[in-house]
Every structure is written in C-alpha cells, then in structure tokens.
C-alpha cells in the first residue's frame, strides 16, 4: 500500500513539473505568435490591396442620346428671287 502511494506521489510530482514546463512553453509560443500574427495580418492586408485595389469613383455616365431623326450636315443655302414691283 505504501509503495502505491509513493508511486502516485512521484507520478503526481512529475505531472506538476510537466504542467509547469508546458505552461512556460505555451507562454513563450504565444508571445512569438502574437508578434508573428501582427506581421502576417499586415502582409495579408498589403497583398489584398494589390489584388483588389480600392475603387476609384466611377466616371460620370455619358449623356443620353437624342431620340429621332437628325441631320448632321450644314443646311443648304437657298435663295429666293423677288419679283420686281412687289
């Protein structure tokens, strides 16, 4: 019985030591990832800006076309004669 409790105590102390080491490692990894995460986000934002640049304002639409018949020539010069005496 005493041997069982002695083994449990050593296993428990080993587990505590392992838990402390894991906690230390986790803190170290998190601190590294925080700085890397910021760099990764910055790089991704720049890549997305290159792929899909911000939109520029659209040019104004062209004026609507006139409906109907229109002549694009200059009008012919017609002269009329006046009768004498009138």
PDB file of N, CA and C in Angstrom:
ATOM      1  N   UNK A   1       0.810  -1.177   0.000  1.00  0.00           N
ATOM      2  CA  UNK A   1       0.000   0.000   0.000  1.00  0.00           C
ATOM      3  C   UNK A   1       0.865   1.257   0.000  1.00  0.00           C
ATOM      4  N   UNK A   2       1.909   1.208   0.800  1.00  0.00           N
ATOM      5  CA  UNK A   2       2.800   2.371   0.876  1.00  0.00           C
ATOM      6  C   UNK A   2       3.487   2.582  -0.468  1.00  0.00           C
ATOM      7  N   UNK A   3       3.864   1.489  -1.112  1.00  0.00           N
ATOM      8  CA  UNK A   3       4.514   1.606  -2.435  1.00  0.00           C
ATOM      9  C   UNK A   3       3.575   2.278  -3.432  1.00  0.00           C
ATOM     10  N   UNK A   4       2.314   1.936  -3.402  1.00  0.00           N
ATOM     11  CA  UNK A   4       1.346   2.522  -4.323  1.00  0.00           C
ATOM     12  C   UNK A   4       1.255   4.031  -4.111  1.00  0.00           C
ATOM     13  N   UNK A   5       1.177   4.461  -2.829  1.00  0.00           N
ATOM     14  CA  UNK A   5       1.119   5.897  -2.550  1.00  0.00           C
ATOM     15  C   UNK A   5       2.416   6.591  -2.940  1.00  0.00           C
ATOM     16  N   UNK A   6       3.536   5.934  -2.774  1.00  0.00           N
ATOM     17  CA  UNK A   6       4.824   6.522  -3.161  1.00  0.00           C
ATOM     18  C   UNK A   6       4.878   6.704  -4.680  1.00  0.00           C
ATOM     19  N   UNK A   7       4.397   5.700  -5.428  1.00  0.00           N
ATOM     20  CA  UNK A   7       4.379   5.815  -6.889  1.00  0.00           C
ATOM     21  C   UNK A   7       3.414   6.916  -7.340  1.00  0.00           C
ATOM     22  N   UNK A   8       2.269   7.004  -6.658  1.00  0.00           N
ATOM     23  CA  UNK A   8       1.303   8.049  -7.013  1.00  0.00           C
ATOM     24  C   UNK A   8       1.891   9.432  -6.752  1.00  0.00           C
ATOM     25  N   UNK A   9       2.633   9.568  -5.630  1.00  0.00           N
ATOM     26  CA  UNK A   9       3.234  10.857  -5.308  1.00  0.00           C
ATOM     27  C   UNK A   9       4.291  11.239  -6.326  1.00  0.00           C
ATOM     28  N   UNK A  10       5.116  10.316  -6.763  1.00  0.00           N
ATOM     29  CA  UNK A  10       6.143  10.635  -7.766  1.00  0.00           C
ATOM     30  C   UNK A  10       5.485  10.941  -9.111  1.00  0.00           C
ATOM     31  N   UNK A  11       4.442  10.194  -9.449  1.00  0.00           N
ATOM     32  CA  UNK A  11       3.739  10.463 -10.709  1.00  0.00           C
ATOM     33  C   UNK A  11       3.088  11.844 -10.663  1.00  0.00           C
ATOM     34  N   UNK A  12       2.512  12.182  -9.515  1.00  0.00           N
ATOM     35  CA  UNK A  12       1.872  13.479  -9.369  1.00  0.00           C
ATOM     36  C   UNK A  12       2.898  14.609  -9.424  1.00  0.00           C
ATOM     37  N   UNK A  13       4.035  14.429  -8.795  1.00  0.00           N
ATOM     38  CA  UNK A  13       5.066  15.477  -8.835  1.00  0.00           C
ATOM     39  C   UNK A  13       5.620  15.611 -10.252  1.00  0.00           C
ATOM     40  N   UNK A  14       5.766  14.476 -10.957  1.00  0.00           N
ATOM     41  CA  UNK A  14       6.218  14.539 -12.347  1.00  0.00           C
ATOM     42  C   UNK A  14       5.180  15.267 -13.203  1.00  0.00           C
ATOM     43  N   UNK A  15       3.917  15.020 -12.911  1.00  0.00           N
ATOM     44  CA  UNK A  15       2.848  15.672 -13.653  1.00  0.00           C
ATOM     45  C   UNK A  15       2.854  17.176 -13.396  1.00  0.00           C
ATOM     46  N   UNK A  16       3.069  17.587 -12.164  1.00  0.00           N
ATOM     47  CA  UNK A  16       3.135  19.019 -11.836  1.00  0.00           C
ATOM     48  C   UNK A  16       4.297  19.688 -12.556  1.00  0.00           C
ATOM     49  N   UNK A  17       5.444  19.007 -12.536  1.00  0.00           N
ATOM     50  CA  UNK A  17       6.627  19.559 -13.229  1.00  0.00           C
ATOM     51  C   UNK A  17       6.349  19.669 -14.723  1.00  0.00           C
ATOM     52  N   UNK A  18       5.718  18.650 -15.296  1.00  0.00           N
ATOM     53  CA  UNK A  18       5.388  18.657 -16.714  1.00  0.00           C
ATOM     54  C   UNK A  18       4.388  19.783 -17.022  1.00  0.00           C
ATOM     55  N   UNK A  19       3.424  19.985 -16.130  1.00  0.00           N
ATOM     56  CA  UNK A  19       2.437  21.050 -16.318  1.00  0.00           C
ATOM     57  C   UNK A  19       3.116  22.409 -16.284  1.00  0.00           C
ATOM     58  N   UNK A  20       4.066  22.615 -15.370  1.00  0.00           N
ATOM     59  CA  UNK A  20       4.811  23.878 -15.309  1.00  0.00           C
ATOM     60  C   UNK A  20       5.606  24.114 -16.587  1.00  0.00           C
ATOM     61  N   UNK A  21       6.259  23.077 -17.068  1.00  0.00           N
ATOM     62  CA  UNK A  21       7.038  23.206 -18.296  1.00  0.00           C
ATOM     63  C   UNK A  21       6.131  23.532 -19.488  1.00  0.00           C
ATOM     64  N   UNK A  22       4.984  22.861 -19.546  1.00  0.00           N
ATOM     65  CA  UNK A  22       4.042  23.124 -20.631  1.00  0.00           C
ATOM     66  C   UNK A  22       3.507  24.559 -20.564  1.00  0.00           C
ATOM     67  N   UNK A  23       3.224  25.053 -19.370  1.00  0.00           N
ATOM     68  CA  UNK A  23       2.734  26.418 -19.219  1.00  0.00           C
ATOM     69  C   UNK A  23       3.795  27.419 -19.670  1.00  0.00           C
ATOM     70  N   UNK A  24       5.057  27.173 -19.302  1.00  0.00           N
ATOM     71  CA  UNK A  24       6.145  28.047 -19.723  1.00  0.00           C
ATOM     72  C   UNK A  24       6.283  28.035 -21.242  1.00  0.00           C
ATOM     73  N   UNK A  25       6.243  26.855 -21.812  1.00  0.00           N
ATOM     74  CA  UNK A  25       6.359  26.721 -23.267  1.00  0.00           C
ATOM     75  C   UNK A  25       5.191  27.414 -23.963  1.00  0.00           C
ATOM     76  N   UNK A  26       4.000  27.264 -23.418  1.00  0.00           N
ATOM     77  CA  UNK A  26       2.818  27.898 -24.021  1.00  0.00           C
ATOM     78  C   UNK A  26       2.949  29.421 -24.003  1.00  0.00           C
ATOM     79  N   UNK A  27       3.405  29.979 -22.879  1.00  0.00           N
ATOM     80  CA  UNK A  27       3.597  31.436 -22.800  1.00  0.00           C
ATOM     81  C   UNK A  27       4.619  31.905 -23.825  1.00  0.00           C
ATOM     82  N   UNK A  28       5.688  31.164 -23.970  1.00  0.00           N
ATOM     83  CA  UNK A  28       6.747  31.528 -24.926  1.00  0.00           C
ATOM     84  C   UNK A  28       6.219  31.483 -26.363  1.00  0.00           C
ATOM     85  N   UNK A  29       5.497  30.440 -26.678  1.00  0.00           N
ATOM     86  CA  UNK A  29       4.955  30.293 -28.028  1.00  0.00           C
ATOM     87  C   UNK A  29       3.926  31.387 -28.315  1.00  0.00           C
ATOM     88  N   UNK A  30       3.074  31.694 -27.338  1.00  0.00           N
ATOM     89  CA  UNK A  30       2.073  32.745 -27.528  1.00  0.00           C
ATOM     90  C   UNK A  30       2.731  34.094 -27.790  1.00  0.00           C
ATOM     91  N   UNK A  31       3.793  34.394 -27.051  1.00  0.00           N
ATOM     92  CA  UNK A  31       4.464  35.686 -27.259  1.00  0.00           C
ATOM     93  C   UNK A  31       5.070  35.757 -28.660  1.00  0.00           C
ATOM     94  N   UNK A  32       5.594  34.663 -29.141  1.00  0.00           N
ATOM     95  CA  UNK A  32       6.148  34.633 -30.503  1.00  0.00           C
ATOM     96  C   UNK A  32       5.026  34.778 -31.534  1.00  0.00           C
ATOM     97  N   UNK A  33       3.937  34.047 -31.317  1.00  0.00           N
ATOM     98  CA  UNK A  33       2.836  34.076 -32.283  1.00  0.00           C
ATOM     99  C   UNK A  33       2.175  35.444 -32.346  1.00  0.00           C
ATOM    100  N   UNK A  34       2.102  36.143 -31.206  1.00  0.00           N
ATOM    101  CA  UNK A  34       1.486  37.464 -31.220  1.00  0.00           C
ATOM    102  C   UNK A  34       2.238  38.401 -32.161  1.00  0.00           C
ATOM    103  N   UNK A  35       3.561  38.378 -32.097  1.00  0.00           N
ATOM    104  CA  UNK A  35       4.333  39.250 -32.992  1.00  0.00           C
ATOM    105  C   UNK A  35       4.235  38.757 -34.433  1.00  0.00           C
ATOM    106  N   UNK A  36       4.212  37.453 -34.630  1.00  0.00           N
ATOM    107  CA  UNK A  36       4.094  36.909 -35.988  1.00  0.00           C
ATOM    108  C   UNK A  36       2.689  37.144 -36.547  1.00  0.00           C
ATOM    109  N   UNK A  37       1.676  37.025 -35.702  1.00  0.00           N
ATOM    110  CA  UNK A  37       0.309  37.264 -36.167  1.00  0.00           C
ATOM    111  C   UNK A  37       0.159  38.675 -36.712  1.00  0.00           C
ATOM    112  N   UNK A  38       0.717  39.643 -36.015  1.00  0.00           N
ATOM    113  CA  UNK A  38       0.627  41.030 -36.475  1.00  0.00           C
ATOM    114  C   UNK A  38       1.324  41.188 -37.825  1.00  0.00           C
ATOM    115  N   UNK A  39       2.476  40.562 -37.977  1.00  0.00           N
ATOM    116  CA  UNK A  39       3.195  40.652 -39.250  1.00  0.00           C
ATOM    117  C   UNK A  39       2.418  39.958 -40.366  1.00  0.00           C
ATOM    118  N   UNK A  40       1.825  38.812 -40.063  1.00  0.00           N
ATOM    119  CA  UNK A  40       1.056  38.074 -41.075  1.00  0.00           C
ATOM    120  C   UNK A  40      -0.163  38.873 -41.505  1.00  0.00           C
ATOM    121  N   UNK A  41      -0.851  39.486 -40.553  1.00  0.00           N
ATOM    122  CA  UNK A  41      -2.029  40.295 -40.886  1.00  0.00           C
ATOM    123  C   UNK A  41      -1.626  41.472 -41.764  1.00  0.00           C
ATOM    124  N   UNK A  42      -0.509  42.106 -41.451  1.00  0.00           N
ATOM    125  CA  UNK A  42      -0.032  43.238 -42.256  1.00  0.00           C
ATOM    126  C   UNK A  42       0.300  42.799 -43.676  1.00  0.00           C
ATOM    127  N   UNK A  43       0.978  41.673 -43.818  1.00  0.00           N
ATOM    128  CA  UNK A  43       1.328  41.156 -45.147  1.00  0.00           C
ATOM    129  C   UNK A  43       0.069  40.801 -45.931  1.00  0.00           C
ATOM    130  N   UNK A  44      -0.890  40.139 -45.289  1.00  0.00           N
ATOM    131  CA  UNK A  44      -2.124  39.766 -45.976  1.00  0.00           C
ATOM    132  C   UNK A  44      -2.901  41.002 -46.426  1.00  0.00           C
ATOM    133  N   UNK A  45      -2.933  42.050 -45.587  1.00  0.00           N
ATOM    134  CA  UNK A  45      -3.640  43.276 -45.954  1.00  0.00           C
ATOM    135  C   UNK A  45      -2.994  43.916 -47.177  1.00  0.00           C
ATOM    136  N   UNK A  46      -1.668  43.933 -47.211  1.00  0.00           N
ATOM    137  CA  UNK A  46      -0.972  44.518 -48.367  1.00  0.00           C
ATOM    138  C   UNK A  46      -1.196  43.694 -49.634  1.00  0.00           C
ATOM    139  N   UNK A  47      -1.199  42.379 -49.498  1.00  0.00           N
ATOM    140  CA  UNK A  47      -1.445  41.519 -50.669  1.00  0.00           C
ATOM    141  C   UNK A  47      -2.853  41.744 -51.193  1.00  0.00           C
ATOM    142  N   UNK A  48      -3.824  41.833 -50.303  1.00  0.00           N
ATOM    143  CA  UNK A  48      -5.202  42.066 -50.735  1.00  0.00           C
ATOM    144  C   UNK A  48      -5.353  43.433 -51.387  1.00  0.00           C
ATOM    145  N   UNK A  49      -4.612  44.429 -50.912  1.00  0.00           N
ATOM    146  CA  UNK A  49      -4.643  45.742 -51.559  1.00  0.00           C
ATOM    147  C   UNK A  49      -4.082  45.670 -52.966  1.00  0.00           C
ATOM    148  N   UNK A  50      -3.067  44.843 -53.168  1.00  0.00           N
ATOM    149  CA  UNK A  50      -2.503  44.695 -54.515  1.00  0.00           C
ATOM    150  C   UNK A  50      -3.463  43.947 -55.434  1.00  0.00           C
ATOM    151  N   UNK A  51      -4.093  42.918 -54.908  1.00  0.00           N
ATOM    152  CA  UNK A  51      -5.008  42.110 -55.719  1.00  0.00           C
ATOM    153  C   UNK A  51      -6.271  42.894 -56.045  1.00  0.00           C
ATOM    154  N   UNK A  52      -6.854  43.538 -55.041  1.00  0.00           N
ATOM    155  CA  UNK A  52      -8.120  44.245 -55.211  1.00  0.00           C
ATOM    156  C   UNK A  52      -7.938  45.665 -54.690  1.00  0.00           C
ATOM    157  N   UNK A  53      -7.410  46.576 -55.531  1.00  0.00           N
ATOM    158  CA  UNK A  53      -7.149  47.934 -55.048  1.00  0.00           C
ATOM    159  C   UNK A  53      -8.457  48.646 -54.701  1.00  0.00           C
ATOM    160  N   UNK A  54      -8.371  49.669 -53.878  1.00  0.00           N
ATOM    161  CA  UNK A  54      -9.583  50.408 -53.541  1.00  0.00           C
ATOM    162  C   UNK A  54     -10.195  51.010 -54.804  1.00  0.00           C
ATOM    163  N   UNK A  55     -11.503  51.037 -54.829  1.00  0.00           N
ATOM    164  CA  UNK A  55     -12.181  51.505 -56.024  1.00  0.00           C
ATOM    165  C   UNK A  55     -12.071  53.018 -56.154  1.00  0.00           C
ATOM    166  N   UNK A  56     -11.846  53.459 -57.392  1.00  0.00           N
ATOM    167  CA  UNK A  56     -11.856  54.879 -57.695  1.00  0.00           C
ATOM    168  C   UNK A  56     -13.284  55.248 -58.066  1.00  0.00           C
ATOM    169  N   UNK A  57     -13.647  56.517 -57.901  1.00  0.00           N
ATOM    170  CA  UNK A  57     -15.014  56.880 -58.268  1.00  0.00           C
ATOM    171  C   UNK A  57     -15.258  56.618 -59.750  1.00  0.00           C
ATOM    172  N   UNK A  58     -16.426  56.126 -60.053  1.00  0.00           N
ATOM    173  CA  UNK A  58     -16.773  55.795 -61.440  1.00  0.00           C
ATOM    174  C   UNK A  58     -16.925  57.083 -62.247  1.00  0.00           C
ATOM    175  N   UNK A  59     -16.524  57.050 -63.530  1.00  0.00           N
ATOM    176  CA  UNK A  59     -16.700  58.244 -64.357  1.00  0.00           C
ATOM    177  C   UNK A  59     -18.190  58.502 -64.559  1.00  0.00           C
ATOM    178  N   UNK A  60     -18.550  59.765 -64.784  1.00  0.00           N
ATOM    179  CA  UNK A  60     -19.977  60.054 -64.963  1.00  0.00           C
ATOM    180  C   UNK A  60     -20.495  59.371 -66.223  1.00  0.00           C
ATOM    181  N   UNK A  61     -21.752  58.972 -66.224  1.00  0.00           N
ATOM    182  CA  UNK A  61     -22.295  58.288 -67.404  1.00  0.00           C
ATOM    183  C   UNK A  61     -22.389  59.264 -68.582  1.00  0.00           C
ATOM    184  N   UNK A  62     -22.276  58.770 -69.806  1.00  0.00           N
ATOM    185  CA  UNK A  62     -22.366  59.653 -70.973  1.00  0.00           C
ATOM    186  C   UNK A  62     -23.782  60.216 -71.078  1.00  0.00           C
ATOM    187  N   UNK A  63     -23.919  61.397 -71.709  1.00  0.00           N
ATOM    188  CA  UNK A  63     -25.261  61.966 -71.823  1.00  0.00           C
ATOM    189  C   UNK A  63     -26.140  61.066 -72.694  1.00  0.00           C
ATOM    190  N   UNK A  64     -27.422  61.027 -72.415  1.00  0.00           N
ATOM    191  CA  UNK A  64     -28.303  60.151 -73.192  1.00  0.00           C
ATOM    192  C   UNK A  64     -28.406  60.628 -74.642  1.00  0.00           C
ATOM    193  N   UNK A  65     -28.551  59.683 -75.547  1.00  0.00           N
ATOM    194  CA  UNK A  65     -28.674  60.020 -76.968  1.00  0.00           C
ATOM    195  C   UNK A  65     -30.060  60.568 -77.248  1.00  0.00           C
ATOM    196  N   UNK A  66     -30.123  61.507 -78.187  1.00  0.00           N
ATOM    197  CA  UNK A  66     -31.411  62.075 -78.563  1.00  0.00           C
ATOM    198  C   UNK A  66     -32.172  61.076 -79.413  1.00  0.00           C
ATOM    199  N   UNK A  67     -33.448  61.036 -79.213  1.00  0.00           N
ATOM    200  CA  UNK A  67     -34.304  60.127 -79.968  1.00  0.00           C
ATOM    201  C   UNK A  67     -34.838  60.878 -81.189  1.00  0.00           C
ATOM    202  N   UNK A  68     -34.867  60.200 -82.312  1.00  0.00           N
ATOM    203  CA  UNK A  68     -35.444  60.802 -83.513  1.00  0.00           C
ATOM    204  C   UNK A  68     -34.408  60.977 -84.609  1.00  0.00           C
ATOM    205  N   UNK A  69     -34.877  61.617 -85.707  1.00  0.00           N
ATOM    206  CA  UNK A  69     -34.031  61.823 -86.877  1.00  0.00           C
ATOM    207  C   UNK A  69     -33.319  63.152 -86.738  1.00  0.00           C
ATOM    208  N   UNK A  70     -32.037  63.152 -87.030  1.00  0.00           N
ATOM    209  CA  UNK A  70     -31.293  64.408 -87.020  1.00  0.00           C
ATOM    210  C   UNK A  70     -30.313  64.406 -88.181  1.00  0.00           C
ATOM    211  N   UNK A  71     -30.127  65.567 -88.766  1.00  0.00           N
ATOM    212  CA  UNK A  71     -29.226  65.737 -89.903  1.00  0.00           C
ATOM    213  C   UNK A  71     -27.940  66.335 -89.373  1.00  0.00           C
ATOM    214  N   UNK A  72     -26.830  65.724 -89.751  1.00  0.00           N
ATOM    215  CA  UNK A  72     -25.548  66.203 -89.263  1.00  0.00           C
ATOM    216  C   UNK A  72     -24.836  67.069 -90.292  1.00  0.00           C
ATOM    217  N   UNK A  73     -25.516  67.416 -91.373  1.00  0.00           N
ATOM    218  CA  UNK A  73     -24.921  68.277 -92.397  1.00  0.00           C
ATOM    219  C   UNK A  73     -25.339  69.711 -92.141  1.00  0.00           C
ATOM    220  N   UNK A  74     -24.538  70.617 -92.684  1.00  0.00           N
ATOM    221  CA  UNK A  74     -24.945  72.014 -92.581  1.00  0.00           C
ATOM    222  C   UNK A  74     -26.064  72.261 -93.592  1.00  0.00           C
ATOM    223  N   UNK A  75     -27.012  73.109 -93.287  1.00  0.00           N
ATOM    224  CA  UNK A  75     -28.136  73.326 -94.203  1.00  0.00           C
ATOM    225  C   UNK A  75     -27.673  73.982 -95.504  1.00  0.00           C
ATOM    226  N   UNK A  76     -28.333  73.647 -96.591  1.00  0.00           N
ATOM    227  CA  UNK A  76     -28.016  74.238 -97.904  1.00  0.00           C
ATOM    228  C   UNK A  76     -28.520  75.674 -97.945  1.00  0.00           C
ATOM    229  N   UNK A  77     -27.802  76.507 -98.691  1.00  0.00           N
ATOM    230  CA  UNK A  77     -28.202  77.908 -98.815  1.00  0.00           C
ATOM    231  C   UNK A  77     -29.099  78.041-100.040  1.00  0.00           C
ATOM    232  N   UNK A  78     -30.327  78.336 -99.786  1.00  0.00           N
ATOM    233  CA  UNK A  78     -31.281  78.554-100.854  1.00  0.00           C
ATOM    234  C   UNK A  78     -31.545  80.055-100.922  1.00  0.00           C
ATOM    235  N   UNK A  79     -31.723  80.524-102.156  1.00  0.00           N
ATOM    236  CA  UNK A  79     -32.092  81.933-102.301  1.00  0.00           C
ATOM    237  C   UNK A  79     -33.418  82.012-103.042  1.00  0.00           C
ATOM    238  N   UNK A  80     -34.161  82.982-102.731  1.00  0.00           N
ATOM    239  CA  UNK A  80     -35.420  83.193-103.415  1.00  0.00           C
ATOM    240  C   UNK A  80     -35.349  84.498-104.182  1.00  0.00           C
ATOM    241  N   UNK A  81     -35.950  84.490-105.333  1.00  0.00           N
ATOM    242  CA  UNK A  81     -35.935  85.717-106.127  1.00  0.00           C
ATOM    243  C   UNK A  81     -37.180  86.519-105.798  1.00  0.00           C
ATOM    244  N   UNK A  82     -36.973  87.749-105.759  1.00  0.00           N
ATOM    245  CA  UNK A  82     -38.111  88.618-105.550  1.00  0.00           C
ATOM    246  C   UNK A  82     -38.480  89.251-106.909  1.00  0.00           C
ATOM    247  N   UNK A  83     -39.708  89.319-107.118  1.00  0.00           N
ATOM    248  CA  UNK A  83     -40.166  89.946-108.360  1.00  0.00           C
ATOM    249  C   UNK A  83     -40.088  91.457-108.227  1.00  0.00           C
ATOM    250  N   UNK A  84     -39.847  92.047-109.329  1.00  0.00           N
ATOM    251  CA  UNK A  84     -39.797  93.495-109.308  1.00  0.00           C
ATOM    252  C   UNK A  84     -41.201  94.032-109.188  1.00  0.00           C
ATOM    253  N   UNK A  85     -41.307  94.990-108.433  1.00  0.00           N
ATOM    254  CA  UNK A  85     -42.578  95.633-108.300  1.00  0.00           C
ATOM    255  C   UNK A  85     -43.410  95.112-107.150  1.00  0.00           C
ATOM    256  N   UNK A  86     -43.050  94.196-106.573  1.00  0.00           N
ATOM    257  CA  UNK A  86     -43.873  93.718-105.442  1.00  0.00           C
ATOM    258  C   UNK A  86     -43.287  94.100-104.161  1.00  0.00           C
TER     259      UNK A  86
END
